[in-house]
Amino acid sequence: MTIYTNGPALFLQSVEEHRHLGGLFAVTAEWLRPRGSSELPQSIPTSLGEIDIFPEPAVSVGTDGFERITATGYDIWDQSTYESRGVTTGEITASIRVFTNPTTDPGSGSTSYDTAYDEKTFPGYIFEVAHLKKMRRKGTPALPPAPILKVRNSDGAEITQFNVPISLDISYTGTVEKTIQITNVNVTNYGAVEEVEVVYSITQALVSVSQPVP
């Protein structure tokens, strides 16, 4: 139904709303105005209320004595974070503490050692990646917090403990400590609101083990 609105020379012809994953509410509207009029709409009536137009409306001239004004506006319909998961390949790094250069104290007979660290890498593992999308008001710097990401083996099983082989008959087991960081951020401006897309990745999977003190 055509609605007479936003001034004496504007006729609202249509409003189309879209609700996107991640909370973006986008609306497109079209008005008719008599040719020669300078009236422009300032907002769009929606199911969420009046929404400011962004960017500036576009005006086209018809052959029926009217001009058509097309405009878009944006708001937030959902404050929750939309998350999708992906994977990438990675390696587990083992930091091995070893004791070298024994020195015996002549008086007490006790032996001390220097401490050194050896490092080994083990490729062939799957690291989860999280793609997060969330809306925010312009001027709000907050980013979605890091989710829990997992390290998996080639069978898909989660790896929380890792067995570090030292020799044919010696190995040490340690906990996999993951470093999770932001590896990409994209902010899209929609006037008064912004869509934030963040990628979190496992940048390191570290296992720290120690050789027993001799």
C-alpha atoms as a PDB file:
ATOM      1  CA  MET A   1       0.000   0.000   0.000  1.00  0.00           C
ATOM      2  CA  THR A   2       1.318   3.437  -0.932  1.00  0.00           C
ATOM      3  CA  ILE A   3       1.802   5.638   2.133  1.00  0.00           C
ATOM      4  CA  TYR A   4       1.947   9.418   2.140  1.00  0.00           C
ATOM      5  CA  THR A   5       4.809  10.182   4.514  1.00  0.00           C
ATOM      6  CA  ASN A   6       7.980  12.161   5.294  1.00  0.00           C
ATOM      7  CA  GLY A   7       6.645  15.440   3.970  1.00  0.00           C
ATOM      8  CA  PRO A   8       3.915  16.815   1.728  1.00  0.00           C
ATOM      9  CA  ALA A   9       5.681  15.768  -1.467  1.00  0.00           C
ATOM     10  CA  LEU A  10       6.870  12.244  -0.629  1.00  0.00           C
ATOM     11  CA  PHE A  11       4.947   9.013  -1.174  1.00  0.00           C
ATOM     12  CA  LEU A  12       6.472   5.881   0.398  1.00  0.00           C
ATOM     13  CA  GLN A  13       6.109   3.182  -2.222  1.00  0.00           C
ATOM     14  CA  SER A  14       7.919   0.173  -0.725  1.00  0.00           C
ATOM     15  CA  VAL A  15      10.057  -1.010   2.185  1.00  0.00           C
ATOM     16  CA  GLU A  16      12.096  -4.200   2.107  1.00  0.00           C
ATOM     17  CA  GLU A  17      13.786  -5.553   5.250  1.00  0.00           C
ATOM     18  CA  HIS A  18      16.633  -8.077   5.553  1.00  0.00           C
ATOM     19  CA  ARG A  19      17.939  -9.679   8.746  1.00  0.00           C
ATOM     20  CA  HIS A  20      21.463 -11.014   8.314  1.00  0.00           C
ATOM     21  CA  LEU A  21      23.490 -13.501  10.340  1.00  0.00           C
ATOM     22  CA  GLY A  22      25.589 -11.574  12.801  1.00  0.00           C
ATOM     23  CA  GLY A  23      22.825  -9.100  13.635  1.00  0.00           C
ATOM     24  CA  LEU A  24      22.851  -6.683  10.692  1.00  0.00           C
ATOM     25  CA  PHE A  25      19.405  -5.265   9.909  1.00  0.00           C
ATOM     26  CA  ALA A  26      19.312  -3.756   6.410  1.00  0.00           C
ATOM     27  CA  VAL A  27      16.360  -1.988   4.871  1.00  0.00           C
ATOM     28  CA  THR A  28      15.733  -0.535   1.413  1.00  0.00           C
ATOM     29  CA  ALA A  29      12.920   1.886   0.663  1.00  0.00           C
ATOM     30  CA  GLU A  30      11.571   3.734  -2.367  1.00  0.00           C
ATOM     31  CA  TRP A  31       9.534   6.945  -2.502  1.00  0.00           C
ATOM     32  CA  LEU A  32       7.800   8.882  -5.234  1.00  0.00           C
ATOM     33  CA  ARG A  33       7.852  12.660  -5.364  1.00  0.00           C
ATOM     34  CA  PRO A  34       6.491  15.093  -7.983  1.00  0.00           C
ATOM     35  CA  ARG A  35       9.106  16.190 -10.459  1.00  0.00           C
ATOM     36  CA  GLY A  36      10.682  19.457  -9.400  1.00  0.00           C
ATOM     37  CA  SER A  37      10.222  18.830  -5.673  1.00  0.00           C
ATOM     38  CA  SER A  38      13.275  19.001  -3.422  1.00  0.00           C
ATOM     39  CA  GLU A  39      11.857  16.934  -0.571  1.00  0.00           C
ATOM     40  CA  LEU A  40      14.119  14.119   0.670  1.00  0.00           C
ATOM     41  CA  PRO A  41      13.364  11.477   3.314  1.00  0.00           C
ATOM     42  CA  GLN A  42      15.414  11.550   6.511  1.00  0.00           C
ATOM     43  CA  SER A  43      14.540   8.092   7.853  1.00  0.00           C
ATOM     44  CA  ILE A  44      12.841   4.826   6.924  1.00  0.00           C
ATOM     45  CA  PRO A  45       9.883   3.328   8.843  1.00  0.00           C
ATOM     46  CA  THR A  46      10.652  -0.305   9.763  1.00  0.00           C
ATOM     47  CA  SER A  47       9.568  -3.034  12.150  1.00  0.00           C
ATOM     48  CA  LEU A  48      12.367  -1.835  14.467  1.00  0.00           C
ATOM     49  CA  GLY A  49      11.189   1.772  14.319  1.00  0.00           C
ATOM     50  CA  GLU A  50      12.507   4.708  12.328  1.00  0.00           C
ATOM     51  CA  ILE A  51      16.011   4.102  10.951  1.00  0.00           C
ATOM     52  CA  ASP A  52      18.274   6.848   9.653  1.00  0.00           C
ATOM     53  CA  ILE A  53      19.177   6.751   5.977  1.00  0.00           C
ATOM     54  CA  PHE A  54      22.740   5.816   5.083  1.00  0.00           C
ATOM     55  CA  PRO A  55      24.320   6.787   2.748  1.00  0.00           C
ATOM     56  CA  GLU A  56      22.618   9.650   0.920  1.00  0.00           C
ATOM     57  CA  PRO A  57      19.477   8.683  -1.032  1.00  0.00           C
ATOM     58  CA  ALA A  58      19.593   8.326  -4.830  1.00  0.00           C
ATOM     59  CA  VAL A  59      17.143  10.174  -7.078  1.00  0.00           C
ATOM     60  CA  SER A  60      16.093   9.014 -10.552  1.00  0.00           C
ATOM     61  CA  VAL A  61      13.724  10.737 -12.996  1.00  0.00           C
ATOM     62  CA  GLY A  62      10.769   8.832 -14.400  1.00  0.00           C
ATOM     63  CA  THR A  63       8.595   9.514 -17.448  1.00  0.00           C
ATOM     64  CA  ASP A  64       5.343   9.658 -15.483  1.00  0.00           C
ATOM     65  CA  GLY A  65       5.828  13.050 -13.895  1.00  0.00           C
ATOM     66  CA  PHE A  66       7.415  11.631 -10.736  1.00  0.00           C
ATOM     67  CA  GLU A  67      10.934  11.142  -9.448  1.00  0.00           C
ATOM     68  CA  ARG A  68      11.923   8.007  -7.549  1.00  0.00           C
ATOM     69  CA  ILE A  69      14.032   8.152  -4.415  1.00  0.00           C
ATOM     70  CA  THR A  70      15.822   5.011  -3.269  1.00  0.00           C
ATOM     71  CA  ALA A  71      17.476   4.844   0.125  1.00  0.00           C
ATOM     72  CA  THR A  72      18.985   2.327   2.517  1.00  0.00           C
ATOM     73  CA  GLY A  73      19.313   2.215   6.274  1.00  0.00           C
ATOM     74  CA  TYR A  74      20.934  -0.072   8.825  1.00  0.00           C
ATOM     75  CA  ASP A  75      20.480  -1.113  12.441  1.00  0.00           C
ATOM     76  CA  ILE A  76      21.048  -4.074  14.781  1.00  0.00           C
ATOM     77  CA  TRP A  77      18.389  -6.754  15.149  1.00  0.00           C
ATOM     78  CA  ASP A  78      20.443  -9.278  17.155  1.00  0.00           C
ATOM     79  CA  GLN A  79      23.281  -8.597  19.626  1.00  0.00           C
ATOM     80  CA  SER A  80      24.589 -12.168  19.676  1.00  0.00           C
ATOM     81  CA  THR A  81      27.785 -13.246  17.913  1.00  0.00           C
ATOM     82  CA  TYR A  82      27.530 -15.440  14.830  1.00  0.00           C
ATOM     83  CA  GLU A  83      30.314 -18.022  14.667  1.00  0.00           C
ATOM     84  CA  SER A  84      31.475 -20.370  11.944  1.00  0.00           C
ATOM     85  CA  ARG A  85      34.407 -22.779  12.181  1.00  0.00           C
ATOM     86  CA  GLY A  86      37.144 -23.766   9.781  1.00  0.00           C
ATOM     87  CA  VAL A  87      40.448 -25.600  10.058  1.00  0.00           C
ATOM     88  CA  THR A  88      44.045 -25.219   9.027  1.00  0.00           C
ATOM     89  CA  THR A  89      47.093 -27.453   9.325  1.00  0.00           C
ATOM     90  CA  GLY A  90      49.666 -26.947  12.053  1.00  0.00           C
ATOM     91  CA  GLU A  91      52.449 -28.470  14.058  1.00  0.00           C
ATOM     92  CA  ILE A  92      52.976 -29.199  17.719  1.00  0.00           C
ATOM     93  CA  THR A  93      56.168 -27.766  19.185  1.00  0.00           C
ATOM     94  CA  ALA A  94      57.856 -29.575  22.054  1.00  0.00           C
ATOM     95  CA  SER A  95      60.164 -27.722  24.426  1.00  0.00           C
ATOM     96  CA  ILE A  96      62.340 -30.233  26.283  1.00  0.00           C
ATOM     97  CA  ARG A  97      64.345 -29.217  29.350  1.00  0.00           C
ATOM     98  CA  VAL A  98      67.575 -31.182  29.681  1.00  0.00           C
ATOM     99  CA  PHE A  99      70.380 -31.180  32.233  1.00  0.00           C
ATOM    100  CA  THR A 100      73.983 -30.934  31.032  1.00  0.00           C
ATOM    101  CA  ASN A 101      77.508 -30.323  32.277  1.00  0.00           C
ATOM    102  CA  PRO A 102      77.379 -32.017  35.701  1.00  0.00           C
ATOM    103  CA  THR A 103      79.590 -30.399  38.308  1.00  0.00           C
ATOM    104  CA  THR A 104      80.364 -32.093  41.637  1.00  0.00           C
ATOM    105  CA  ASP A 105      81.113 -29.993  44.684  1.00  0.00           C
ATOM    106  CA  PRO A 106      84.302 -31.371  46.311  1.00  0.00           C
ATOM    107  CA  GLY A 107      83.163 -30.505  49.824  1.00  0.00           C
ATOM    108  CA  SER A 108      79.570 -31.738  49.864  1.00  0.00           C
ATOM    109  CA  GLY A 109      79.782 -34.204  47.042  1.00  0.00           C
ATOM    110  CA  SER A 110      76.525 -32.854  45.577  1.00  0.00           C
ATOM    111  CA  THR A 111      76.174 -32.549  41.820  1.00  0.00           C
ATOM    112  CA  SER A 112      74.675 -29.574  39.966  1.00  0.00           C
ATOM    113  CA  TYR A 113      73.756 -29.255  36.320  1.00  0.00           C
ATOM    114  CA  ASP A 114      73.337 -26.606  33.683  1.00  0.00           C
ATOM    115  CA  THR A 115      69.844 -26.345  32.205  1.00  0.00           C
ATOM    116  CA  ALA A 116      69.307 -26.282  28.455  1.00  0.00           C
ATOM    117  CA  TYR A 117      66.267 -26.512  26.224  1.00  0.00           C
ATOM    118  CA  ASP A 118      65.860 -28.584  23.110  1.00  0.00           C
ATOM    119  CA  GLU A 119      63.031 -27.989  20.656  1.00  0.00           C
ATOM    120  CA  LYS A 120      61.308 -30.418  18.314  1.00  0.00           C
ATOM    121  CA  THR A 121      58.389 -29.907  15.950  1.00  0.00           C
ATOM    122  CA  PHE A 122      55.774 -32.465  14.953  1.00  0.00           C
ATOM    123  CA  PRO A 123      53.712 -31.560  11.847  1.00  0.00           C
ATOM    124  CA  GLY A 124      50.499 -33.152  10.649  1.00  0.00           C
ATOM    125  CA  TYR A 125      47.880 -31.749  13.029  1.00  0.00           C
ATOM    126  CA  ILE A 126      44.605 -29.899  12.526  1.00  0.00           C
ATOM    127  CA  PHE A 127      44.058 -26.488  14.156  1.00  0.00           C
ATOM    128  CA  GLU A 128      40.556 -25.053  14.458  1.00  0.00           C
ATOM    129  CA  VAL A 129      39.875 -21.513  13.200  1.00  0.00           C
ATOM    130  CA  ALA A 130      36.891 -19.381  14.299  1.00  0.00           C
ATOM    131  CA  HIS A 131      35.224 -16.716  12.137  1.00  0.00           C
ATOM    132  CA  LEU A 132      33.126 -14.395  14.314  1.00  0.00           C
ATOM    133  CA  LYS A 133      30.672 -11.738  13.166  1.00  0.00           C
ATOM    134  CA  LYS A 134      28.971  -9.222  15.441  1.00  0.00           C
ATOM    135  CA  MET A 135      27.269  -5.840  15.215  1.00  0.00           C
ATOM    136  CA  ARG A 136      28.168  -2.849  17.378  1.00  0.00           C
ATOM    137  CA  ARG A 137      27.310   0.826  17.657  1.00  0.00           C
ATOM    138  CA  LYS A 138      29.793   3.136  15.998  1.00  0.00           C
ATOM    139  CA  GLY A 139      32.429   4.279  18.468  1.00  0.00           C
ATOM    140  CA  THR A 140      32.283   1.065  20.478  1.00  0.00           C
ATOM    141  CA  PRO A 141      35.733  -0.557  20.188  1.00  0.00           C
ATOM    142  CA  ALA A 142      34.829  -3.930  21.714  1.00  0.00           C
ATOM    143  CA  LEU A 143      35.653  -7.100  19.756  1.00  0.00           C
ATOM    144  CA  PRO A 144      34.100 -10.545  20.234  1.00  0.00           C
ATOM    145  CA  PRO A 145      36.147 -12.532  22.790  1.00  0.00           C
ATOM    146  CA  ALA A 146      38.275 -15.502  21.763  1.00  0.00           C
ATOM    147  CA  PRO A 147      36.441 -18.826  21.640  1.00  0.00           C
ATOM    148  CA  ILE A 148      37.797 -22.221  22.654  1.00  0.00           C
ATOM    149  CA  LEU A 149      39.738 -23.729  19.753  1.00  0.00           C
ATOM    150  CA  LYS A 150      40.988 -27.293  19.577  1.00  0.00           C
ATOM    151  CA  VAL A 151      43.996 -29.153  18.225  1.00  0.00           C
ATOM    152  CA  ARG A 152      43.073 -32.420  16.542  1.00  0.00           C
ATOM    153  CA  ASN A 153      44.947 -35.356  15.050  1.00  0.00           C
ATOM    154  CA  SER A 154      44.370 -36.700  11.553  1.00  0.00           C
ATOM    155  CA  ASP A 155      41.502 -38.865  12.874  1.00  0.00           C
ATOM    156  CA  GLY A 156      39.708 -35.800  14.214  1.00  0.00           C
ATOM    157  CA  ALA A 157      40.298 -36.572  17.899  1.00  0.00           C
ATOM    158  CA  GLU A 158      41.142 -33.634  20.167  1.00  0.00           C
ATOM    159  CA  ILE A 159      44.735 -33.535  21.431  1.00  0.00           C
ATOM    160  CA  THR A 160      45.144 -32.244  24.988  1.00  0.00           C
ATOM    161  CA  GLN A 161      48.128 -34.395  26.048  1.00  0.00           C
ATOM    162  CA  PHE A 162      51.076 -35.090  23.792  1.00  0.00           C
ATOM    163  CA  ASN A 163      53.733 -37.790  24.050  1.00  0.00           C
ATOM    164  CA  VAL A 164      57.181 -36.417  23.137  1.00  0.00           C
ATOM    165  CA  PRO A 165      59.552 -39.151  21.952  1.00  0.00           C
ATOM    166  CA  ILE A 166      63.130 -38.655  23.102  1.00  0.00           C
ATOM    167  CA  SER A 167      64.625 -41.937  21.946  1.00  0.00           C
ATOM    168  CA  LEU A 168      63.421 -45.391  20.955  1.00  0.00           C
ATOM    169  CA  ASP A 169      62.498 -46.279  24.524  1.00  0.00           C
ATOM    170  CA  ILE A 170      62.146 -42.904  26.272  1.00  0.00           C
ATOM    171  CA  SER A 171      59.317 -40.394  25.954  1.00  0.00           C
ATOM    172  CA  TYR A 172      57.750 -37.671  28.090  1.00  0.00           C
ATOM    173  CA  THR A 173      54.111 -36.560  28.168  1.00  0.00           C
ATOM    174  CA  GLY A 174      52.952 -32.969  28.571  1.00  0.00           C
ATOM    175  CA  THR A 175      49.873 -30.796  28.229  1.00  0.00           C
ATOM    176  CA  VAL A 176      49.270 -28.992  24.943  1.00  0.00           C
ATOM    177  CA  GLU A 177      49.208 -25.240  25.652  1.00  0.00           C
ATOM    178  CA  LYS A 178      47.541 -23.262  22.863  1.00  0.00           C
ATOM    179  CA  THR A 179      48.178 -19.646  21.938  1.00  0.00           C
ATOM    180  CA  ILE A 180      45.009 -18.203  20.392  1.00  0.00           C
ATOM    181  CA  GLN A 181      45.278 -14.829  18.668  1.00  0.00           C
ATOM    182  CA  ILE A 182      43.359 -12.561  16.326  1.00  0.00           C
ATOM    183  CA  THR A 183      44.691 -13.113  12.810  1.00  0.00           C
ATOM    184  CA  ASN A 184      42.279 -10.857  10.908  1.00  0.00           C
ATOM    185  CA  VAL A 185      39.836  -8.036  11.683  1.00  0.00           C
ATOM    186  CA  ASN A 186      37.456  -6.375   9.247  1.00  0.00           C
ATOM    187  CA  VAL A 187      35.089  -3.531  10.193  1.00  0.00           C
ATOM    188  CA  THR A 188      32.343  -2.452   7.774  1.00  0.00           C
ATOM    189  CA  ASN A 189      30.697   0.911   8.398  1.00  0.00           C
ATOM    190  CA  TYR A 190      26.915   1.182   8.039  1.00  0.00           C
ATOM    191  CA  GLY A 191      26.439   4.684   9.368  1.00  0.00           C
ATOM    192  CA  ALA A 192      25.491   4.545  13.037  1.00  0.00           C
ATOM    193  CA  VAL A 193      26.358   0.838  13.296  1.00  0.00           C
ATOM    194  CA  GLU A 194      29.323  -1.315  12.306  1.00  0.00           C
ATOM    195  CA  GLU A 195      29.724  -4.964  11.411  1.00  0.00           C
ATOM    196  CA  VAL A 196      32.857  -6.500  12.930  1.00  0.00           C
ATOM    197  CA  GLU A 197      34.351  -9.685  11.518  1.00  0.00           C
ATOM    198  CA  VAL A 198      37.154 -11.302  13.527  1.00  0.00           C
ATOM    199  CA  VAL A 199      39.196 -14.407  12.806  1.00  0.00           C
ATOM    200  CA  TYR A 200      40.773 -16.246  15.752  1.00  0.00           C
ATOM    201  CA  SER A 201      43.465 -18.846  15.080  1.00  0.00           C
ATOM    202  CA  ILE A 202      45.790 -21.104  17.039  1.00  0.00           C
ATOM    203  CA  THR A 203      49.201 -19.572  16.378  1.00  0.00           C
ATOM    204  CA  GLN A 204      51.144 -22.044  18.526  1.00  0.00           C
ATOM    205  CA  ALA A 205      50.578 -25.432  20.158  1.00  0.00           C
ATOM    206  CA  LEU A 206      53.359 -25.943  22.716  1.00  0.00           C
ATOM    207  CA  VAL A 207      54.183 -28.901  24.924  1.00  0.00           C
ATOM    208  CA  SER A 208      56.755 -28.322  27.680  1.00  0.00           C
ATOM    209  CA  VAL A 209      58.381 -31.413  29.191  1.00  0.00           C
ATOM    210  CA  SER A 210      61.437 -32.007  31.332  1.00  0.00           C
ATOM    211  CA  GLN A 211      64.057 -34.695  31.556  1.00  0.00           C
ATOM    212  CA  PRO A 212      64.193 -36.061  35.115  1.00  0.00           C
ATOM    213  CA  VAL A 213      66.961 -34.601  37.213  1.00  0.00           C
ATOM    214  CA  PRO A 214      69.844 -37.123  37.079  1.00  0.00           C
END
